[in-house]
Amino acid sequence: MGKVEIFEMKIWGPVIRFFHAFPLHKDRVDRTALKHAIALLQMGEVVCIFPEGGITDGQAIYPLERGISLILKHCDPKVICCGVSGTKAFLSGGSLELR
């Protein structure tokens, strides 16, 4: 899942669509995206979620968004926690930058 703005980007939009990502509207409770994530997990599919709501500076763990708890409440997925680092250096190329 990814914020809807990424799907509008010339480079990142096609890339994340290739990996079957789906948009999430962060400005409101996006019931469609939450239901889709739950359905995928119930079918045994993998759903990648940034539970802090996006890319952070890596200096601290930010509060988790409420959507993650709603998803976990409605299904019992196996959860693999991981961290991603170095994204600022990778994404610092102007139009590729995610904010």
N, C-alpha and C. Protein backbone atom coordinates (compact mmCIF):
# COMPACT_ATOMS: atom_id res chain seq x y z
N MET A 1 0.84 -1.17 0.00
CA MET A 1 0.00 0.00 0.00
C MET A 1 0.89 1.23 0.00
N GLY A 2 0.43 2.26 -0.64
CA GLY A 2 1.20 3.49 -0.69
C GLY A 2 0.30 4.70 -0.80
N LYS A 3 0.81 5.81 -0.30
CA LYS A 3 -0.02 7.02 -0.37
C LYS A 3 -0.33 7.37 -1.81
N VAL A 4 -1.51 7.85 -2.04
CA VAL A 4 -2.03 8.08 -3.38
C VAL A 4 -1.13 8.98 -4.21
N GLU A 5 -0.41 9.90 -3.58
CA GLU A 5 0.46 10.82 -4.31
C GLU A 5 1.58 10.09 -5.05
N ILE A 6 2.02 8.96 -4.53
CA ILE A 6 3.09 8.21 -5.20
C ILE A 6 2.61 7.68 -6.54
N PHE A 7 1.35 7.31 -6.63
CA PHE A 7 0.81 6.77 -7.87
C PHE A 7 0.74 7.83 -8.97
N GLU A 8 0.78 9.09 -8.59
CA GLU A 8 0.73 10.19 -9.56
C GLU A 8 2.11 10.57 -10.08
N MET A 9 3.18 10.03 -9.50
CA MET A 9 4.54 10.36 -9.91
C MET A 9 4.91 9.61 -11.19
N LYS A 10 5.61 10.30 -12.09
CA LYS A 10 5.94 9.73 -13.40
C LYS A 10 6.79 8.47 -13.29
N ILE A 11 7.74 8.44 -12.37
CA ILE A 11 8.63 7.29 -12.26
C ILE A 11 8.09 6.27 -11.27
N TRP A 12 7.75 6.72 -10.05
CA TRP A 12 7.36 5.78 -9.00
C TRP A 12 5.99 5.16 -9.23
N GLY A 13 5.07 5.87 -9.86
CA GLY A 13 3.74 5.33 -10.10
C GLY A 13 3.77 3.99 -10.85
N PRO A 14 4.41 3.95 -12.02
CA PRO A 14 4.49 2.67 -12.74
C PRO A 14 5.27 1.59 -11.99
N VAL A 15 6.28 1.99 -11.24
CA VAL A 15 7.09 1.01 -10.50
C VAL A 15 6.24 0.32 -9.44
N ILE A 16 5.52 1.10 -8.65
CA ILE A 16 4.75 0.46 -7.58
C ILE A 16 3.52 -0.28 -8.12
N ARG A 17 2.98 0.18 -9.24
CA ARG A 17 1.89 -0.58 -9.86
C ARG A 17 2.39 -1.94 -10.35
N PHE A 18 3.62 -1.99 -10.85
CA PHE A 18 4.22 -3.25 -11.29
C PHE A 18 4.24 -4.27 -10.15
N PHE A 19 4.44 -3.79 -8.93
CA PHE A 19 4.47 -4.67 -7.76
C PHE A 19 3.09 -4.84 -7.11
N HIS A 20 2.04 -4.48 -7.85
CA HIS A 20 0.65 -4.64 -7.41
C HIS A 20 0.31 -3.82 -6.17
N ALA A 21 0.97 -2.68 -6.01
CA ALA A 21 0.64 -1.79 -4.90
C ALA A 21 -0.73 -1.18 -5.15
N PHE A 22 -1.34 -0.71 -4.10
CA PHE A 22 -2.64 -0.05 -4.23
C PHE A 22 -2.61 1.22 -3.40
N PRO A 23 -3.37 2.24 -3.85
CA PRO A 23 -3.31 3.55 -3.19
C PRO A 23 -4.06 3.62 -1.87
N LEU A 24 -3.56 4.48 -1.01
CA LEU A 24 -4.16 4.76 0.29
C LEU A 24 -4.28 6.28 0.41
N HIS A 25 -5.49 6.75 0.69
CA HIS A 25 -5.71 8.18 0.93
C HIS A 25 -5.45 8.45 2.41
N LYS A 26 -4.37 9.17 2.70
CA LYS A 26 -3.99 9.40 4.10
C LYS A 26 -4.73 10.56 4.74
N ASP A 27 -5.44 11.35 3.97
CA ASP A 27 -6.14 12.51 4.50
C ASP A 27 -7.49 12.15 5.14
N ARG A 28 -7.85 10.87 5.07
CA ARG A 28 -9.11 10.40 5.63
C ARG A 28 -8.99 8.91 5.92
N VAL A 29 -9.98 8.35 6.59
CA VAL A 29 -10.00 6.91 6.80
C VAL A 29 -10.37 6.28 5.46
N ASP A 30 -9.43 5.57 4.87
CA ASP A 30 -9.63 4.99 3.55
C ASP A 30 -10.12 3.55 3.71
N ARG A 31 -11.42 3.40 3.86
CA ARG A 31 -12.01 2.08 4.08
C ARG A 31 -11.74 1.13 2.92
N THR A 32 -11.72 1.65 1.71
CA THR A 32 -11.46 0.80 0.54
C THR A 32 -10.08 0.17 0.62
N ALA A 33 -9.07 0.97 0.94
CA ALA A 33 -7.71 0.45 1.04
C ALA A 33 -7.58 -0.53 2.21
N LEU A 34 -8.19 -0.21 3.33
CA LEU A 34 -8.12 -1.10 4.49
C LEU A 34 -8.80 -2.44 4.19
N LYS A 35 -9.97 -2.40 3.57
CA LYS A 35 -10.67 -3.64 3.21
C LYS A 35 -9.87 -4.46 2.21
N HIS A 36 -9.23 -3.77 1.28
CA HIS A 36 -8.41 -4.47 0.27
C HIS A 36 -7.22 -5.15 0.94
N ALA A 37 -6.56 -4.46 1.86
CA ALA A 37 -5.42 -5.04 2.58
C ALA A 37 -5.87 -6.26 3.38
N ILE A 38 -6.99 -6.16 4.05
CA ILE A 38 -7.51 -7.28 4.84
C ILE A 38 -7.84 -8.46 3.94
N ALA A 39 -8.50 -8.20 2.82
CA ALA A 39 -8.85 -9.28 1.89
C ALA A 39 -7.60 -9.98 1.36
N LEU A 40 -6.59 -9.22 0.99
CA LEU A 40 -5.34 -9.82 0.51
C LEU A 40 -4.70 -10.69 1.57
N LEU A 41 -4.64 -10.19 2.79
CA LEU A 41 -4.03 -10.96 3.88
C LEU A 41 -4.83 -12.23 4.16
N GLN A 42 -6.14 -12.15 4.12
CA GLN A 42 -6.97 -13.33 4.35
C GLN A 42 -6.79 -14.38 3.26
N MET A 43 -6.37 -13.95 2.06
CA MET A 43 -6.09 -14.88 0.97
C MET A 43 -4.65 -15.42 1.03
N GLY A 44 -3.90 -14.97 2.02
CA GLY A 44 -2.52 -15.44 2.16
C GLY A 44 -1.50 -14.63 1.39
N GLU A 45 -1.92 -13.49 0.87
CA GLU A 45 -1.00 -12.62 0.12
C GLU A 45 -0.15 -11.80 1.08
N VAL A 46 0.88 -11.19 0.55
CA VAL A 46 1.77 -10.33 1.32
C VAL A 46 1.35 -8.88 1.11
N VAL A 47 1.28 -8.13 2.19
CA VAL A 47 0.98 -6.70 2.12
C VAL A 47 2.07 -5.96 2.87
N CYS A 48 2.73 -5.06 2.17
CA CYS A 48 3.78 -4.25 2.78
C CYS A 48 3.17 -2.95 3.28
N ILE A 49 3.39 -2.68 4.56
CA ILE A 49 2.81 -1.48 5.18
C ILE A 49 3.90 -0.75 5.95
N PHE A 50 3.93 0.56 5.80
CA PHE A 50 4.78 1.39 6.64
C PHE A 50 3.90 1.86 7.79
N PRO A 51 3.95 1.19 8.94
CA PRO A 51 3.00 1.47 10.02
C PRO A 51 3.12 2.87 10.62
N GLU A 52 4.23 3.55 10.36
CA GLU A 52 4.36 4.93 10.83
C GLU A 52 3.73 5.91 9.85
N GLY A 53 3.24 5.40 8.74
CA GLY A 53 2.56 6.24 7.78
C GLY A 53 3.43 6.75 6.65
N GLY A 54 4.63 6.27 6.52
CA GLY A 54 5.50 6.69 5.43
C GLY A 54 6.96 6.63 5.81
N ILE A 55 7.75 7.28 5.01
CA ILE A 55 9.19 7.31 5.23
C ILE A 55 9.51 8.39 6.26
N THR A 56 10.31 8.04 7.25
CA THR A 56 10.68 8.99 8.30
C THR A 56 12.17 9.26 8.24
N ASP A 57 12.66 10.10 9.13
CA ASP A 57 14.08 10.45 9.12
C ASP A 57 14.96 9.37 9.73
N GLY A 58 14.38 8.35 10.32
CA GLY A 58 15.15 7.25 10.90
C GLY A 58 15.74 7.54 12.26
N GLN A 59 15.50 8.72 12.78
CA GLN A 59 16.06 9.10 14.07
C GLN A 59 15.24 8.58 15.25
N ALA A 60 13.99 8.28 15.00
CA ALA A 60 13.11 7.82 16.08
C ALA A 60 11.99 6.99 15.47
N ILE A 61 11.34 6.22 16.31
CA ILE A 61 10.15 5.50 15.88
C ILE A 61 8.96 6.41 16.16
N TYR A 62 8.19 6.68 15.13
CA TYR A 62 7.05 7.57 15.25
C TYR A 62 5.81 6.77 15.63
N PRO A 63 4.78 7.44 16.13
CA PRO A 63 3.54 6.72 16.48
C PRO A 63 2.99 5.97 15.26
N LEU A 64 2.47 4.79 15.51
CA LEU A 64 1.90 4.00 14.44
C LEU A 64 0.53 4.54 14.06
N GLU A 65 0.23 4.46 12.79
CA GLU A 65 -1.08 4.89 12.31
C GLU A 65 -2.14 3.88 12.77
N ARG A 66 -3.36 4.35 12.94
CA ARG A 66 -4.43 3.49 13.45
C ARG A 66 -4.81 2.37 12.49
N GLY A 67 -4.61 2.57 11.20
CA GLY A 67 -5.00 1.58 10.21
C GLY A 67 -4.36 0.22 10.43
N ILE A 68 -3.12 0.22 10.90
CA ILE A 68 -2.43 -1.06 11.11
C ILE A 68 -3.16 -1.90 12.15
N SER A 69 -3.63 -1.28 13.22
CA SER A 69 -4.34 -2.05 14.25
C SER A 69 -5.69 -2.55 13.73
N LEU A 70 -6.35 -1.78 12.89
CA LEU A 70 -7.61 -2.23 12.30
C LEU A 70 -7.39 -3.45 11.41
N ILE A 71 -6.32 -3.42 10.64
CA ILE A 71 -6.00 -4.55 9.76
C ILE A 71 -5.71 -5.79 10.60
N LEU A 72 -4.87 -5.64 11.62
CA LEU A 72 -4.51 -6.78 12.46
C LEU A 72 -5.70 -7.32 13.24
N LYS A 73 -6.63 -6.44 13.58
CA LYS A 73 -7.82 -6.85 14.33
C LYS A 73 -8.73 -7.76 13.49
N HIS A 74 -8.76 -7.53 12.17
CA HIS A 74 -9.67 -8.26 11.31
C HIS A 74 -9.09 -9.51 10.67
N CYS A 75 -7.83 -9.74 10.84
CA CYS A 75 -7.22 -10.97 10.33
C CYS A 75 -6.02 -11.30 11.21
N ASP A 76 -5.48 -12.45 11.04
CA ASP A 76 -4.38 -12.90 11.89
C ASP A 76 -3.15 -13.18 11.02
N PRO A 77 -2.57 -12.13 10.45
CA PRO A 77 -1.45 -12.36 9.53
C PRO A 77 -0.15 -12.63 10.29
N LYS A 78 0.78 -13.28 9.60
CA LYS A 78 2.14 -13.37 10.11
C LYS A 78 2.77 -12.01 9.84
N VAL A 79 3.44 -11.46 10.83
CA VAL A 79 4.01 -10.13 10.71
C VAL A 79 5.53 -10.22 10.75
N ILE A 80 6.17 -9.60 9.79
CA ILE A 80 7.62 -9.51 9.77
C ILE A 80 7.95 -8.03 9.88
N CYS A 81 8.61 -7.65 10.95
CA CYS A 81 9.00 -6.26 11.15
C CYS A 81 10.40 -6.05 10.60
N CYS A 82 10.58 -4.97 9.90
CA CYS A 82 11.91 -4.66 9.38
C CYS A 82 12.05 -3.15 9.27
N GLY A 83 13.27 -2.71 9.14
CA GLY A 83 13.55 -1.29 8.97
C GLY A 83 14.20 -1.05 7.63
N VAL A 84 13.98 0.12 7.10
CA VAL A 84 14.57 0.52 5.83
C VAL A 84 15.43 1.74 6.11
N SER A 85 16.69 1.69 5.73
CA SER A 85 17.55 2.85 5.95
C SER A 85 18.23 3.25 4.64
N GLY A 86 18.71 4.47 4.62
CA GLY A 86 19.42 4.96 3.44
C GLY A 86 18.52 5.51 2.36
N THR A 87 17.23 5.67 2.65
CA THR A 87 16.32 6.14 1.62
C THR A 87 16.55 7.60 1.26
N LYS A 88 17.01 8.41 2.22
CA LYS A 88 17.25 9.83 1.91
C LYS A 88 18.33 9.96 0.84
N ALA A 89 19.40 9.18 0.94
CA ALA A 89 20.48 9.23 -0.05
C ALA A 89 19.98 8.74 -1.40
N PHE A 90 19.19 7.68 -1.40
CA PHE A 90 18.67 7.11 -2.64
C PHE A 90 17.66 8.03 -3.30
N LEU A 91 16.80 8.65 -2.50
CA LEU A 91 15.70 9.45 -3.03
C LEU A 91 16.01 10.94 -3.15
N SER A 92 17.26 11.31 -3.01
CA SER A 92 17.59 12.73 -3.02
C SER A 92 17.71 13.30 -4.44
N GLY A 93 17.33 12.54 -5.44
CA GLY A 93 17.46 12.98 -6.84
C GLY A 93 16.30 13.81 -7.33
N GLY A 94 15.98 14.89 -6.68
CA GLY A 94 14.97 15.84 -7.17
C GLY A 94 13.59 15.24 -7.29
N SER A 95 13.16 14.94 -8.53
CA SER A 95 11.80 14.49 -8.76
C SER A 95 11.51 13.09 -8.20
N LEU A 96 12.56 12.37 -7.83
CA LEU A 96 12.36 11.05 -7.25
C LEU A 96 12.09 11.12 -5.76
N GLU A 97 12.30 12.28 -5.17
CA GLU A 97 12.18 12.41 -3.71
C GLU A 97 10.74 12.24 -3.24
N LEU A 98 10.57 11.43 -2.22
CA LEU A 98 9.26 11.23 -1.62
C LEU A 98 9.18 12.04 -0.35
N ARG A 99 8.15 12.81 -0.20
CA ARG A 99 7.99 13.63 1.02
C ARG A 99 6.68 13.37 1.65
